[in-house]
């Protein structure tokens, strides 16, 4: 287990990354790490995530009471604490406003189509959480409905949220979420978002099982490709490792070829 000082540095580094990548502006966003079953380390309110220092962070208990730190904790702390109460496996939470993903959230469009192999394997569907007034109990109440079975969420008219086994794991999911949103938007603008079939999704879920990925993955939701939920997929499809690799390669090649043809 890393020291508390190392975890403070990790939060500051992730804050710097989300700021430099344009996932937040000004003092937006918030990050937290569960130190143990009783204590949480969180970013302060009113501070740019790109310019935090370890001593700026605050420590609170699971009731939200401040234990240490000179600054006040993030106004979204209630949301973080509710996630930790619902998901004992979650050790870190990242909330940001990545532009494209947030655009989907503002448009009221979830990212729940089975399109990219990497997203299907690592995240599954990304639902849209009902709008809640920031800093109130409305947000954690809305998040509570989905966080039990999802590691990434779109917050209606607000932003995005990812959770992970550590703060970097949660941050990488935010990167993947934003990239998926960009690719999905590009495909829709080009006129067609090619959705994978149920059989293709089943094969990807087998890869996921073989890779030992244990985080929640609810599969696609109402995407029109699957006659049954991926949660009801067969335990095995009888395909070889070589066939599995070929599936991913072919899907990637089709996407790149399609984009190249359109540009010409």
C-alpha atoms as a PDB file:
ATOM      1  CA  UNK A   1       0.000   0.000   0.000  1.00  0.00           C
ATOM      2  CA  UNK A   2       1.510   3.381  -1.018  1.00  0.00           C
ATOM      3  CA  UNK A   3       2.086   5.946   1.721  1.00  0.00           C
ATOM      4  CA  UNK A   4      -0.408   8.747   2.236  1.00  0.00           C
ATOM      5  CA  UNK A   5       2.135  11.228   0.896  1.00  0.00           C
ATOM      6  CA  UNK A   6       2.511   9.175  -2.297  1.00  0.00           C
ATOM      7  CA  UNK A   7      -1.260   9.066  -2.694  1.00  0.00           C
ATOM      8  CA  UNK A   8      -1.396  12.839  -2.281  1.00  0.00           C
ATOM      9  CA  UNK A   9       1.170  13.172  -5.039  1.00  0.00           C
ATOM     10  CA  UNK A  10      -0.832  10.773  -7.214  1.00  0.00           C
ATOM     11  CA  UNK A  11      -3.980  12.904  -6.883  1.00  0.00           C
ATOM     12  CA  UNK A  12      -2.005  16.026  -7.817  1.00  0.00           C
ATOM     13  CA  UNK A  13      -0.538  14.273 -10.873  1.00  0.00           C
ATOM     14  CA  UNK A  14      -3.957  13.096 -12.056  1.00  0.00           C
ATOM     15  CA  UNK A  15      -5.280  16.607 -11.453  1.00  0.00           C
ATOM     16  CA  UNK A  16      -2.495  17.986 -13.626  1.00  0.00           C
ATOM     17  CA  UNK A  17      -3.330  15.508 -16.391  1.00  0.00           C
ATOM     18  CA  UNK A  18      -7.068  16.215 -16.507  1.00  0.00           C
ATOM     19  CA  UNK A  19      -6.288  19.939 -16.585  1.00  0.00           C
ATOM     20  CA  UNK A  20      -3.679  19.669 -19.343  1.00  0.00           C
ATOM     21  CA  UNK A  21      -5.936  17.420 -21.435  1.00  0.00           C
ATOM     22  CA  UNK A  22      -8.747  19.961 -21.240  1.00  0.00           C
ATOM     23  CA  UNK A  23     -11.008  17.660 -19.239  1.00  0.00           C
ATOM     24  CA  UNK A  24     -11.562  20.527 -16.762  1.00  0.00           C
ATOM     25  CA  UNK A  25     -11.283  24.304 -16.784  1.00  0.00           C
ATOM     26  CA  UNK A  26     -10.676  26.793 -14.003  1.00  0.00           C
ATOM     27  CA  UNK A  27     -11.451  25.066 -10.671  1.00  0.00           C
ATOM     28  CA  UNK A  28     -13.708  22.355 -12.149  1.00  0.00           C
ATOM     29  CA  UNK A  29     -13.573  18.662 -11.293  1.00  0.00           C
ATOM     30  CA  UNK A  30     -12.743  16.666  -8.198  1.00  0.00           C
ATOM     31  CA  UNK A  31     -10.694  13.600  -7.297  1.00  0.00           C
ATOM     32  CA  UNK A  32     -10.597  11.346  -4.257  1.00  0.00           C
ATOM     33  CA  UNK A  33      -8.859   8.252  -2.910  1.00  0.00           C
ATOM     34  CA  UNK A  34     -10.127   5.930  -0.200  1.00  0.00           C
ATOM     35  CA  UNK A  35      -7.255   5.668   2.297  1.00  0.00           C
ATOM     36  CA  UNK A  36      -8.935   2.961   4.382  1.00  0.00           C
ATOM     37  CA  UNK A  37     -12.433   1.963   5.470  1.00  0.00           C
ATOM     38  CA  UNK A  38     -12.856   5.152   7.507  1.00  0.00           C
ATOM     39  CA  UNK A  39     -10.867   7.886   5.732  1.00  0.00           C
ATOM     40  CA  UNK A  40     -10.904   9.528   2.306  1.00  0.00           C
ATOM     41  CA  UNK A  41      -8.401  11.917   0.741  1.00  0.00           C
ATOM     42  CA  UNK A  42     -10.055  14.518  -1.500  1.00  0.00           C
ATOM     43  CA  UNK A  43      -9.319  17.588  -3.580  1.00  0.00           C
ATOM     44  CA  UNK A  44     -10.270  20.975  -2.105  1.00  0.00           C
ATOM     45  CA  UNK A  45     -12.863  23.340  -3.481  1.00  0.00           C
ATOM     46  CA  UNK A  46     -11.857  26.499  -5.315  1.00  0.00           C
ATOM     47  CA  UNK A  47      -8.474  25.232  -6.521  1.00  0.00           C
ATOM     48  CA  UNK A  48      -7.419  24.479 -10.106  1.00  0.00           C
ATOM     49  CA  UNK A  49      -6.706  20.771 -10.529  1.00  0.00           C
ATOM     50  CA  UNK A  50      -3.690  21.676 -12.647  1.00  0.00           C
ATOM     51  CA  UNK A  51      -1.912  23.516  -9.856  1.00  0.00           C
ATOM     52  CA  UNK A  52      -2.587  21.537  -6.684  1.00  0.00           C
ATOM     53  CA  UNK A  53       0.094  20.614  -4.170  1.00  0.00           C
ATOM     54  CA  UNK A  54      -0.067  17.645  -1.753  1.00  0.00           C
ATOM     55  CA  UNK A  55      -0.636  19.835   1.302  1.00  0.00           C
ATOM     56  CA  UNK A  56      -3.738  21.395  -0.288  1.00  0.00           C
ATOM     57  CA  UNK A  57      -5.650  18.112  -0.131  1.00  0.00           C
ATOM     58  CA  UNK A  58      -8.085  17.407   2.671  1.00  0.00           C
ATOM     59  CA  UNK A  59      -8.865  14.283   4.657  1.00  0.00           C
ATOM     60  CA  UNK A  60     -12.425  13.425   5.674  1.00  0.00           C
ATOM     61  CA  UNK A  61     -14.224  10.526   7.289  1.00  0.00           C
ATOM     62  CA  UNK A  62     -17.046   8.561   5.670  1.00  0.00           C
ATOM     63  CA  UNK A  63     -19.576  10.965   7.165  1.00  0.00           C
ATOM     64  CA  UNK A  64     -17.925  13.874   5.356  1.00  0.00           C
ATOM     65  CA  UNK A  65     -16.443  15.416   8.483  1.00  0.00           C
ATOM     66  CA  UNK A  66     -13.086  17.071   7.836  1.00  0.00           C
ATOM     67  CA  UNK A  67     -10.188  15.499   9.697  1.00  0.00           C
ATOM     68  CA  UNK A  68      -7.272  17.521   8.328  1.00  0.00           C
ATOM     69  CA  UNK A  69      -6.380  20.212   5.808  1.00  0.00           C
ATOM     70  CA  UNK A  70      -6.585  24.003   5.736  1.00  0.00           C
ATOM     71  CA  UNK A  71      -8.919  24.241   2.748  1.00  0.00           C
ATOM     72  CA  UNK A  72     -12.517  23.064   2.423  1.00  0.00           C
ATOM     73  CA  UNK A  73     -13.235  19.746   0.641  1.00  0.00           C
ATOM     74  CA  UNK A  74     -14.813  19.593  -2.807  1.00  0.00           C
ATOM     75  CA  UNK A  75     -18.480  20.529  -2.960  1.00  0.00           C
ATOM     76  CA  UNK A  76     -19.079  17.179  -4.715  1.00  0.00           C
ATOM     77  CA  UNK A  77     -17.718  15.154  -1.788  1.00  0.00           C
ATOM     78  CA  UNK A  78     -21.164  13.657  -1.093  1.00  0.00           C
ATOM     79  CA  UNK A  79     -21.091  11.940  -4.480  1.00  0.00           C
ATOM     80  CA  UNK A  80     -17.671  10.407  -3.801  1.00  0.00           C
ATOM     81  CA  UNK A  81     -18.653   9.119  -0.354  1.00  0.00           C
ATOM     82  CA  UNK A  82     -21.843   7.534  -1.695  1.00  0.00           C
ATOM     83  CA  UNK A  83     -19.807   5.683  -4.329  1.00  0.00           C
ATOM     84  CA  UNK A  84     -17.435   4.330  -1.670  1.00  0.00           C
ATOM     85  CA  UNK A  85     -20.396   3.176   0.404  1.00  0.00           C
ATOM     86  CA  UNK A  86     -21.936   1.383  -2.583  1.00  0.00           C
ATOM     87  CA  UNK A  87     -18.695  -0.081  -3.994  1.00  0.00           C
ATOM     88  CA  UNK A  88     -16.191  -1.484  -1.472  1.00  0.00           C
ATOM     89  CA  UNK A  89     -13.946  -2.438  -4.413  1.00  0.00           C
ATOM     90  CA  UNK A  90     -13.567   1.181  -5.545  1.00  0.00           C
ATOM     91  CA  UNK A  91     -10.470   2.941  -4.210  1.00  0.00           C
ATOM     92  CA  UNK A  92     -10.567   6.154  -6.255  1.00  0.00           C
ATOM     93  CA  UNK A  93     -13.038   8.451  -8.030  1.00  0.00           C
ATOM     94  CA  UNK A  94     -12.409  11.007 -10.785  1.00  0.00           C
ATOM     95  CA  UNK A  95     -15.041  13.549 -11.812  1.00  0.00           C
ATOM     96  CA  UNK A  96     -14.331  15.844 -14.762  1.00  0.00           C
ATOM     97  CA  UNK A  97     -15.930  17.594 -17.734  1.00  0.00           C
ATOM     98  CA  UNK A  98     -14.267  16.068 -20.829  1.00  0.00           C
ATOM     99  CA  UNK A  99     -15.796  18.120 -23.690  1.00  0.00           C
ATOM    100  CA  UNK A 100     -17.037  15.418 -26.062  1.00  0.00           C
ATOM    101  CA  UNK A 101     -18.343  13.058 -23.398  1.00  0.00           C
ATOM    102  CA  UNK A 102     -19.976  15.986 -21.631  1.00  0.00           C
ATOM    103  CA  UNK A 103     -21.515  16.972 -24.966  1.00  0.00           C
ATOM    104  CA  UNK A 104     -23.243  13.576 -25.048  1.00  0.00           C
ATOM    105  CA  UNK A 105     -24.363  14.149 -21.444  1.00  0.00           C
ATOM    106  CA  UNK A 106     -25.808  17.562 -22.323  1.00  0.00           C
ATOM    107  CA  UNK A 107     -27.521  16.114 -25.406  1.00  0.00           C
ATOM    108  CA  UNK A 108     -29.049  13.389 -23.238  1.00  0.00           C
ATOM    109  CA  UNK A 109     -27.357  10.586 -25.188  1.00  0.00           C
ATOM    110  CA  UNK A 110     -25.748   7.657 -23.327  1.00  0.00           C
ATOM    111  CA  UNK A 111     -22.706   5.883 -24.744  1.00  0.00           C
ATOM    112  CA  UNK A 112     -24.276   2.443 -24.578  1.00  0.00           C
ATOM    113  CA  UNK A 113     -23.733   0.987 -28.049  1.00  0.00           C
ATOM    114  CA  UNK A 114     -21.442  -1.995 -28.617  1.00  0.00           C
ATOM    115  CA  UNK A 115     -18.962  -0.351 -30.962  1.00  0.00           C
ATOM    116  CA  UNK A 116     -15.329  -0.531 -29.800  1.00  0.00           C
ATOM    117  CA  UNK A 117     -13.783  -3.828 -28.624  1.00  0.00           C
ATOM    118  CA  UNK A 118     -11.646  -2.116 -25.971  1.00  0.00           C
ATOM    119  CA  UNK A 119     -14.632  -0.332 -24.445  1.00  0.00           C
ATOM    120  CA  UNK A 120     -16.777  -3.482 -24.484  1.00  0.00           C
ATOM    121  CA  UNK A 121     -14.045  -5.417 -22.696  1.00  0.00           C
ATOM    122  CA  UNK A 122     -13.010  -2.792 -20.154  1.00  0.00           C
ATOM    123  CA  UNK A 123     -16.060  -0.615 -19.500  1.00  0.00           C
ATOM    124  CA  UNK A 124     -19.202  -1.996 -21.108  1.00  0.00           C
ATOM    125  CA  UNK A 125     -22.059   0.478 -21.546  1.00  0.00           C
ATOM    126  CA  UNK A 126     -21.795   4.016 -20.202  1.00  0.00           C
ATOM    127  CA  UNK A 127     -25.249   5.159 -19.055  1.00  0.00           C
ATOM    128  CA  UNK A 128     -26.672   8.642 -18.626  1.00  0.00           C
ATOM    129  CA  UNK A 129     -27.422   9.511 -15.003  1.00  0.00           C
ATOM    130  CA  UNK A 130     -30.385  11.805 -14.365  1.00  0.00           C
ATOM    131  CA  UNK A 131     -29.571  15.452 -13.666  1.00  0.00           C
ATOM    132  CA  UNK A 132     -28.997  16.510 -10.087  1.00  0.00           C
ATOM    133  CA  UNK A 133     -28.151  19.935  -8.676  1.00  0.00           C
ATOM    134  CA  UNK A 134     -24.365  19.974  -8.043  1.00  0.00           C
ATOM    135  CA  UNK A 135     -23.229  19.752  -4.399  1.00  0.00           C
ATOM    136  CA  UNK A 136     -26.675  18.529  -3.240  1.00  0.00           C
ATOM    137  CA  UNK A 137     -27.941  15.079  -2.261  1.00  0.00           C
ATOM    138  CA  UNK A 138     -29.611  14.845  -5.684  1.00  0.00           C
ATOM    139  CA  UNK A 139     -26.345  13.882  -7.384  1.00  0.00           C
ATOM    140  CA  UNK A 140     -25.337  10.975  -5.101  1.00  0.00           C
ATOM    141  CA  UNK A 141     -28.928   9.719  -5.174  1.00  0.00           C
ATOM    142  CA  UNK A 142     -28.890   9.666  -8.980  1.00  0.00           C
ATOM    143  CA  UNK A 143     -25.425   8.082  -9.161  1.00  0.00           C
ATOM    144  CA  UNK A 144     -26.427   5.400  -6.650  1.00  0.00           C
ATOM    145  CA  UNK A 145     -28.828   3.881  -9.197  1.00  0.00           C
ATOM    146  CA  UNK A 146     -26.021   3.007 -11.627  1.00  0.00           C
ATOM    147  CA  UNK A 147     -22.697   2.830  -9.795  1.00  0.00           C
ATOM    148  CA  UNK A 148     -23.226  -0.751  -8.636  1.00  0.00           C
ATOM    149  CA  UNK A 149     -22.820  -2.089 -12.175  1.00  0.00           C
ATOM    150  CA  UNK A 150     -20.819   0.601 -14.008  1.00  0.00           C
ATOM    151  CA  UNK A 151     -17.307   2.050 -13.730  1.00  0.00           C
ATOM    152  CA  UNK A 152     -18.023   5.043 -15.980  1.00  0.00           C
ATOM    153  CA  UNK A 153     -21.048   7.333 -16.000  1.00  0.00           C
ATOM    154  CA  UNK A 154     -22.268  10.379 -17.897  1.00  0.00           C
ATOM    155  CA  UNK A 155     -23.887  12.936 -15.604  1.00  0.00           C
ATOM    156  CA  UNK A 156     -26.718  14.734 -17.419  1.00  0.00           C
ATOM    157  CA  UNK A 157     -25.854  18.396 -18.117  1.00  0.00           C
ATOM    158  CA  UNK A 158     -22.853  18.075 -15.850  1.00  0.00           C
ATOM    159  CA  UNK A 159     -19.909  15.915 -16.893  1.00  0.00           C
ATOM    160  CA  UNK A 160     -18.496  12.439 -16.440  1.00  0.00           C
ATOM    161  CA  UNK A 161     -17.464  10.157 -13.606  1.00  0.00           C
ATOM    162  CA  UNK A 162     -15.106   7.179 -13.463  1.00  0.00           C
ATOM    163  CA  UNK A 163     -14.010   4.890 -10.645  1.00  0.00           C
ATOM    164  CA  UNK A 164     -11.132   2.465 -10.259  1.00  0.00           C
ATOM    165  CA  UNK A 165      -8.879   0.309  -8.148  1.00  0.00           C
ATOM    166  CA  UNK A 166      -6.535   3.297  -7.787  1.00  0.00           C
ATOM    167  CA  UNK A 167      -6.536   6.903  -8.950  1.00  0.00           C
ATOM    168  CA  UNK A 168      -4.599   6.171 -12.159  1.00  0.00           C
ATOM    169  CA  UNK A 169      -6.973   3.339 -13.027  1.00  0.00           C
ATOM    170  CA  UNK A 170      -9.915   5.710 -12.599  1.00  0.00           C
ATOM    171  CA  UNK A 171      -8.146   8.390 -14.659  1.00  0.00           C
ATOM    172  CA  UNK A 172      -7.348   6.007 -17.533  1.00  0.00           C
ATOM    173  CA  UNK A 173     -11.035   5.111 -17.696  1.00  0.00           C
ATOM    174  CA  UNK A 174     -11.792   8.823 -18.062  1.00  0.00           C
ATOM    175  CA  UNK A 175      -9.334   8.970 -20.971  1.00  0.00           C
ATOM    176  CA  UNK A 176     -11.004   5.935 -22.574  1.00  0.00           C
ATOM    177  CA  UNK A 177     -14.459   7.428 -22.046  1.00  0.00           C
ATOM    178  CA  UNK A 178     -13.525  10.688 -23.774  1.00  0.00           C
ATOM    179  CA  UNK A 179     -11.805   8.913 -26.678  1.00  0.00           C
ATOM    180  CA  UNK A 180     -14.846   6.667 -27.141  1.00  0.00           C
ATOM    181  CA  UNK A 181     -17.090   9.747 -27.176  1.00  0.00           C
ATOM    182  CA  UNK A 182     -14.911  11.379 -29.856  1.00  0.00           C
ATOM    183  CA  UNK A 183     -14.906   8.255 -32.035  1.00  0.00           C
ATOM    184  CA  UNK A 184     -18.645   7.739 -31.596  1.00  0.00           C
ATOM    185  CA  UNK A 185     -19.363  11.353 -32.513  1.00  0.00           C
ATOM    186  CA  UNK A 186     -17.084  11.139 -35.575  1.00  0.00           C
ATOM    187  CA  UNK A 187     -18.795   7.953 -36.769  1.00  0.00           C
ATOM    188  CA  UNK A 188     -22.243   9.480 -36.356  1.00  0.00           C
ATOM    189  CA  UNK A 189     -21.189  12.601 -38.252  1.00  0.00           C
ATOM    190  CA  UNK A 190     -19.857  10.376 -41.042  1.00  0.00           C
ATOM    191  CA  UNK A 191     -23.262   8.793 -41.265  1.00  0.00           C
ATOM    192  CA  UNK A 192     -22.908   5.368 -39.673  1.00  0.00           C
ATOM    193  CA  UNK A 193     -21.899   3.989 -36.291  1.00  0.00           C
ATOM    194  CA  UNK A 194     -21.311   0.317 -37.043  1.00  0.00           C
ATOM    195  CA  UNK A 195     -22.573  -1.700 -34.079  1.00  0.00           C
ATOM    196  CA  UNK A 196     -21.093  -5.138 -33.419  1.00  0.00           C
ATOM    197  CA  UNK A 197     -23.366  -8.170 -33.529  1.00  0.00           C
ATOM    198  CA  UNK A 198     -24.338 -10.231 -30.503  1.00  0.00           C
ATOM    199  CA  UNK A 199     -21.956 -13.007 -31.594  1.00  0.00           C
ATOM    200  CA  UNK A 200     -19.057 -10.562 -31.867  1.00  0.00           C
ATOM    201  CA  UNK A 201     -19.852  -9.147 -28.448  1.00  0.00           C
ATOM    202  CA  UNK A 202     -19.992 -12.630 -26.931  1.00  0.00           C
ATOM    203  CA  UNK A 203     -16.499 -13.314 -28.260  1.00  0.00           C
ATOM    204  CA  UNK A 204     -15.200 -10.079 -26.762  1.00  0.00           C
ATOM    205  CA  UNK A 205     -16.729 -10.966 -23.419  1.00  0.00           C
ATOM    206  CA  UNK A 206     -14.840 -14.236 -23.579  1.00  0.00           C
ATOM    207  CA  UNK A 207     -11.616 -12.284 -24.054  1.00  0.00           C
ATOM    208  CA  UNK A 208     -12.583 -10.242 -21.010  1.00  0.00           C
ATOM    209  CA  UNK A 209     -13.088 -13.386 -18.950  1.00  0.00           C
ATOM    210  CA  UNK A 210      -9.760 -14.849 -20.091  1.00  0.00           C
ATOM    211  CA  UNK A 211      -7.990 -11.596 -19.238  1.00  0.00           C
ATOM    212  CA  UNK A 212      -9.341 -11.777 -15.703  1.00  0.00           C
ATOM    213  CA  UNK A 213     -11.145  -8.429 -15.857  1.00  0.00           C
ATOM    214  CA  UNK A 214     -13.492  -8.423 -12.866  1.00  0.00           C
ATOM    215  CA  UNK A 215     -14.898  -4.883 -12.776  1.00  0.00           C
ATOM    216  CA  UNK A 216     -18.617  -4.496 -13.573  1.00  0.00           C
ATOM    217  CA  UNK A 217     -19.539  -4.705 -17.250  1.00  0.00           C
ATOM    218  CA  UNK A 218     -23.261  -4.652 -18.114  1.00  0.00           C
ATOM    219  CA  UNK A 219     -22.748  -4.909 -21.869  1.00  0.00           C
ATOM    220  CA  UNK A 220     -24.668  -2.816 -24.384  1.00  0.00           C
ATOM    221  CA  UNK A 221     -28.073  -1.375 -23.592  1.00  0.00           C
ATOM    222  CA  UNK A 222     -30.836  -1.114 -26.222  1.00  0.00           C
ATOM    223  CA  UNK A 223     -28.288  -0.785 -29.016  1.00  0.00           C
ATOM    224  CA  UNK A 224     -30.314  -2.855 -31.477  1.00  0.00           C
ATOM    225  CA  UNK A 225     -27.484  -5.291 -32.138  1.00  0.00           C
ATOM    226  CA  UNK A 226     -28.162  -7.958 -29.537  1.00  0.00           C
ATOM    227  CA  UNK A 227     -31.325  -9.972 -29.183  1.00  0.00           C
ATOM    228  CA  UNK A 228     -30.277 -10.730 -25.605  1.00  0.00           C
ATOM    229  CA  UNK A 229     -28.202  -8.904 -23.045  1.00  0.00           C
ATOM    230  CA  UNK A 230     -24.486  -9.606 -23.011  1.00  0.00           C
ATOM    231  CA  UNK A 231     -24.953 -10.493 -19.368  1.00  0.00           C
ATOM    232  CA  UNK A 232     -26.768 -13.574 -20.666  1.00  0.00           C
ATOM    233  CA  UNK A 233     -23.999 -14.475 -23.097  1.00  0.00           C
ATOM    234  CA  UNK A 234     -22.786 -18.074 -23.221  1.00  0.00           C
ATOM    235  CA  UNK A 235     -19.837 -18.869 -20.986  1.00  0.00           C
ATOM    236  CA  UNK A 236     -17.740 -19.911 -23.985  1.00  0.00           C
ATOM    237  CA  UNK A 237     -17.931 -19.664 -27.752  1.00  0.00           C
ATOM    238  CA  UNK A 238     -15.332 -22.258 -28.677  1.00  0.00           C
ATOM    239  CA  UNK A 239     -13.095 -19.837 -30.573  1.00  0.00           C
ATOM    240  CA  UNK A 240      -9.308 -19.858 -30.535  1.00  0.00           C
ATOM    241  CA  UNK A 241      -6.982 -17.104 -29.359  1.00  0.00           C
ATOM    242  CA  UNK A 242      -5.947 -16.521 -32.977  1.00  0.00           C
ATOM    243  CA  UNK A 243      -9.587 -16.022 -33.996  1.00  0.00           C
ATOM    244  CA  UNK A 244     -10.122 -13.596 -31.128  1.00  0.00           C
ATOM    245  CA  UNK A 245      -7.135 -11.492 -32.176  1.00  0.00           C
ATOM    246  CA  UNK A 246      -8.357 -11.513 -35.767  1.00  0.00           C
ATOM    247  CA  UNK A 247     -11.764 -10.169 -34.726  1.00  0.00           C
ATOM    248  CA  UNK A 248     -10.232  -7.111 -33.058  1.00  0.00           C
ATOM    249  CA  UNK A 249      -7.813  -6.546 -35.948  1.00  0.00           C
ATOM    250  CA  UNK A 250     -10.578  -6.701 -38.547  1.00  0.00           C
ATOM    251  CA  UNK A 251     -12.852  -4.318 -36.650  1.00  0.00           C
ATOM    252  CA  UNK A 252     -10.028  -1.801 -36.247  1.00  0.00           C
ATOM    253  CA  UNK A 253      -9.038  -2.129 -39.925  1.00  0.00           C
ATOM    254  CA  UNK A 254     -12.627  -1.519 -41.082  1.00  0.00           C
ATOM    255  CA  UNK A 255     -12.913   1.629 -39.004  1.00  0.00           C
ATOM    256  CA  UNK A 256      -9.584   3.036 -40.237  1.00  0.00           C
ATOM    257  CA  UNK A 257     -10.359   2.133 -43.853  1.00  0.00           C
ATOM    258  CA  UNK A 258     -13.769   3.771 -43.625  1.00  0.00           C
ATOM    259  CA  UNK A 259     -12.308   6.980 -42.236  1.00  0.00           C
ATOM    260  CA  UNK A 260      -9.586   7.000 -44.921  1.00  0.00           C
ATOM    261  CA  UNK A 261     -12.098   6.525 -47.729  1.00  0.00           C
ATOM    262  CA  UNK A 262     -14.270   9.334 -46.449  1.00  0.00           C
ATOM    263  CA  UNK A 263     -11.310  11.744 -46.291  1.00  0.00           C
ATOM    264  CA  UNK A 264     -10.455  11.034 -49.927  1.00  0.00           C
END
